[in-house]
């Protein structure tokens, strides 16, 4: 399967499974469409406490890994 994907312009055999690169225009249009869809619904809702706790735990793990590596 990687060989089939690697034949396209967006992939190479070395990074098979990676996300294909988007053109600047495509990324802009996609970002604009997503912002339009979610602007009113998601932006105005508070982040639940469970999500905040998860984000804090992930940040602590990230800091611990950086300290161990450096």
N, C-alpha and C. Protein backbone atom coordinates (compact mmCIF):
# COMPACT_ATOMS: atom_id res chain seq x y z
N UNK A 1 0.82 -1.19 0.00
CA UNK A 1 0.00 0.00 0.00
C UNK A 1 0.86 1.26 0.00
N UNK A 2 1.95 1.25 0.75
CA UNK A 2 2.82 2.42 0.78
C UNK A 2 3.36 2.74 -0.61
N UNK A 3 3.63 1.70 -1.39
CA UNK A 3 4.15 1.93 -2.73
C UNK A 3 3.13 2.65 -3.60
N UNK A 4 1.85 2.29 -3.46
CA UNK A 4 0.80 2.96 -4.23
C UNK A 4 0.68 4.42 -3.83
N UNK A 5 0.74 4.67 -2.53
CA UNK A 5 0.62 6.04 -2.04
C UNK A 5 1.86 6.84 -2.42
N UNK A 6 3.01 6.22 -2.37
CA UNK A 6 4.27 6.91 -2.64
C UNK A 6 4.34 7.43 -4.06
N UNK A 7 3.53 6.91 -4.97
CA UNK A 7 3.57 7.35 -6.35
C UNK A 7 2.92 8.72 -6.53
N UNK A 8 2.09 9.16 -5.60
CA UNK A 8 1.46 10.47 -5.73
C UNK A 8 2.47 11.56 -5.42
N UNK A 9 2.16 12.79 -5.80
CA UNK A 9 3.08 13.91 -5.59
C UNK A 9 3.21 14.31 -4.13
N UNK A 10 2.19 14.04 -3.32
CA UNK A 10 2.18 14.51 -1.94
C UNK A 10 2.90 13.58 -0.97
N UNK A 11 3.24 12.39 -1.40
CA UNK A 11 3.86 11.41 -0.51
C UNK A 11 5.19 10.94 -1.08
N UNK A 12 6.02 10.45 -0.21
CA UNK A 12 7.21 9.72 -0.63
C UNK A 12 7.23 8.42 0.16
N UNK A 13 7.98 7.46 -0.31
CA UNK A 13 8.04 6.16 0.37
C UNK A 13 8.62 6.31 1.76
N UNK A 14 9.46 7.32 1.99
CA UNK A 14 10.11 7.51 3.28
C UNK A 14 9.13 7.96 4.35
N UNK A 15 8.13 8.77 3.98
CA UNK A 15 7.20 9.25 5.00
C UNK A 15 5.80 8.72 4.75
N UNK A 16 5.73 7.48 4.37
CA UNK A 16 4.44 6.84 4.13
C UNK A 16 3.65 6.87 5.44
N UNK A 17 2.41 7.28 5.36
CA UNK A 17 1.59 7.41 6.54
C UNK A 17 1.54 8.83 7.06
N UNK A 18 2.40 9.70 6.53
CA UNK A 18 2.39 11.09 6.94
C UNK A 18 1.24 11.81 6.26
N UNK A 19 0.88 12.93 6.82
CA UNK A 19 -0.19 13.73 6.25
C UNK A 19 0.34 14.44 5.01
N UNK A 20 -0.42 14.43 3.92
CA UNK A 20 0.06 15.10 2.71
C UNK A 20 0.10 16.61 2.91
N UNK A 21 1.01 17.26 2.22
CA UNK A 21 1.13 18.71 2.31
C UNK A 21 -0.03 19.37 1.57
N UNK A 22 -0.54 20.44 2.14
CA UNK A 22 -1.62 21.19 1.51
C UNK A 22 -1.04 22.44 0.87
N UNK A 23 -1.61 22.84 -0.25
CA UNK A 23 -1.19 24.10 -0.85
C UNK A 23 -1.65 25.24 0.05
N UNK A 24 -1.06 26.39 -0.11
CA UNK A 24 -1.42 27.55 0.70
C UNK A 24 -2.89 27.89 0.49
N UNK A 25 -3.34 27.86 -0.76
CA UNK A 25 -4.73 28.18 -1.07
C UNK A 25 -5.69 27.17 -0.43
N UNK A 26 -5.37 25.90 -0.51
CA UNK A 26 -6.21 24.86 0.08
C UNK A 26 -6.27 25.01 1.60
N UNK A 27 -5.13 25.24 2.22
CA UNK A 27 -5.09 25.42 3.68
C UNK A 27 -5.92 26.64 4.09
N UNK A 28 -5.83 27.72 3.32
CA UNK A 28 -6.60 28.92 3.63
C UNK A 28 -8.10 28.65 3.52
N UNK A 29 -8.50 28.01 2.42
CA UNK A 29 -9.93 27.74 2.22
C UNK A 29 -10.46 26.79 3.28
N UNK A 30 -9.69 25.77 3.63
CA UNK A 30 -10.10 24.82 4.65
C UNK A 30 -10.20 25.51 6.01
N UNK A 31 -9.22 26.31 6.36
CA UNK A 31 -9.25 27.03 7.62
C UNK A 31 -10.42 27.99 7.70
N UNK A 32 -10.68 28.69 6.61
CA UNK A 32 -11.81 29.62 6.58
C UNK A 32 -13.13 28.89 6.75
N UNK A 33 -13.28 27.76 6.05
CA UNK A 33 -14.53 26.98 6.16
C UNK A 33 -14.72 26.46 7.58
N UNK A 34 -13.67 25.94 8.19
CA UNK A 34 -13.78 25.42 9.56
C UNK A 34 -14.10 26.53 10.56
N UNK A 35 -13.45 27.69 10.40
CA UNK A 35 -13.75 28.80 11.30
C UNK A 35 -15.19 29.24 11.16
N UNK A 36 -15.69 29.27 9.93
CA UNK A 36 -17.08 29.68 9.70
C UNK A 36 -18.04 28.72 10.37
N UNK A 37 -17.78 27.44 10.27
CA UNK A 37 -18.67 26.43 10.84
C UNK A 37 -18.66 26.47 12.36
N UNK A 38 -17.48 26.56 12.95
CA UNK A 38 -17.35 26.42 14.39
C UNK A 38 -17.28 27.74 15.15
N UNK A 39 -17.23 28.85 14.45
CA UNK A 39 -17.05 30.14 15.09
C UNK A 39 -18.10 30.41 16.17
N UNK A 40 -19.35 30.25 15.84
CA UNK A 40 -20.40 30.57 16.80
C UNK A 40 -20.62 29.47 17.83
N UNK A 41 -20.43 28.23 17.45
CA UNK A 41 -20.77 27.15 18.37
C UNK A 41 -19.65 26.84 19.36
N UNK A 42 -18.43 26.72 18.91
CA UNK A 42 -17.35 26.26 19.77
C UNK A 42 -16.68 27.40 20.52
N UNK A 43 -16.45 28.51 19.87
CA UNK A 43 -15.70 29.60 20.49
C UNK A 43 -16.38 30.17 21.72
N UNK A 44 -17.67 30.09 21.78
CA UNK A 44 -18.39 30.72 22.89
C UNK A 44 -18.66 29.76 24.04
N UNK A 45 -18.31 28.50 23.89
CA UNK A 45 -18.54 27.54 24.95
C UNK A 45 -17.31 27.45 25.84
N UNK A 46 -17.50 27.37 27.14
CA UNK A 46 -16.34 27.22 28.03
C UNK A 46 -15.74 25.82 27.91
N UNK A 47 -14.46 25.74 28.24
CA UNK A 47 -13.79 24.44 28.22
C UNK A 47 -14.19 23.70 29.49
N UNK A 48 -14.66 22.46 29.37
CA UNK A 48 -15.05 21.70 30.57
C UNK A 48 -13.84 21.44 31.47
N UNK A 49 -14.11 21.33 32.77
CA UNK A 49 -13.04 21.07 33.74
C UNK A 49 -12.26 19.81 33.42
N UNK A 50 -12.94 18.78 32.94
CA UNK A 50 -12.24 17.53 32.61
C UNK A 50 -11.22 17.76 31.49
N UNK A 51 -11.55 18.61 30.53
CA UNK A 51 -10.62 18.91 29.44
C UNK A 51 -9.45 19.76 29.94
N UNK A 52 -9.73 20.67 30.84
CA UNK A 52 -8.66 21.49 31.42
C UNK A 52 -7.69 20.60 32.19
N UNK A 53 -8.23 19.67 32.98
CA UNK A 53 -7.37 18.73 33.72
C UNK A 53 -6.51 17.91 32.78
N UNK A 54 -7.11 17.44 31.69
CA UNK A 54 -6.36 16.66 30.71
C UNK A 54 -5.24 17.50 30.09
N UNK A 55 -5.54 18.72 29.71
CA UNK A 55 -4.53 19.60 29.13
C UNK A 55 -3.40 19.88 30.11
N UNK A 56 -3.74 20.08 31.37
CA UNK A 56 -2.70 20.32 32.38
C UNK A 56 -1.82 19.10 32.59
N UNK A 57 -2.42 17.92 32.62
CA UNK A 57 -1.63 16.68 32.76
C UNK A 57 -0.70 16.49 31.57
N UNK A 58 -1.20 16.77 30.37
CA UNK A 58 -0.36 16.64 29.18
C UNK A 58 0.79 17.64 29.20
N UNK A 59 0.52 18.85 29.65
CA UNK A 59 1.57 19.87 29.74
C UNK A 59 2.63 19.48 30.76
N UNK A 60 2.21 18.91 31.90
CA UNK A 60 3.18 18.46 32.90
C UNK A 60 4.05 17.33 32.34
N UNK A 61 3.45 16.40 31.62
CA UNK A 61 4.24 15.32 31.02
C UNK A 61 5.23 15.87 30.01
N UNK A 62 4.77 16.85 29.22
CA UNK A 62 5.65 17.46 28.23
C UNK A 62 6.84 18.12 28.90
N UNK A 63 6.61 18.85 29.99
CA UNK A 63 7.70 19.49 30.72
C UNK A 63 8.65 18.46 31.32
N UNK A 64 8.11 17.38 31.87
CA UNK A 64 8.95 16.33 32.45
C UNK A 64 9.85 15.71 31.37
N UNK A 65 9.30 15.48 30.21
CA UNK A 65 10.11 14.89 29.12
C UNK A 65 11.17 15.86 28.65
N UNK A 66 10.85 17.14 28.60
CA UNK A 66 11.86 18.13 28.21
C UNK A 66 12.99 18.20 29.22
N UNK A 67 12.65 18.11 30.49
CA UNK A 67 13.68 18.14 31.53
C UNK A 67 14.58 16.91 31.45
N UNK A 68 13.97 15.76 31.19
CA UNK A 68 14.76 14.52 31.10
C UNK A 68 15.67 14.55 29.87
N UNK A 69 15.22 15.15 28.78
CA UNK A 69 16.00 15.19 27.55
C UNK A 69 17.10 16.26 27.62
N UNK A 70 16.88 17.30 28.39
CA UNK A 70 17.82 18.42 28.39
C UNK A 70 18.60 18.52 29.57
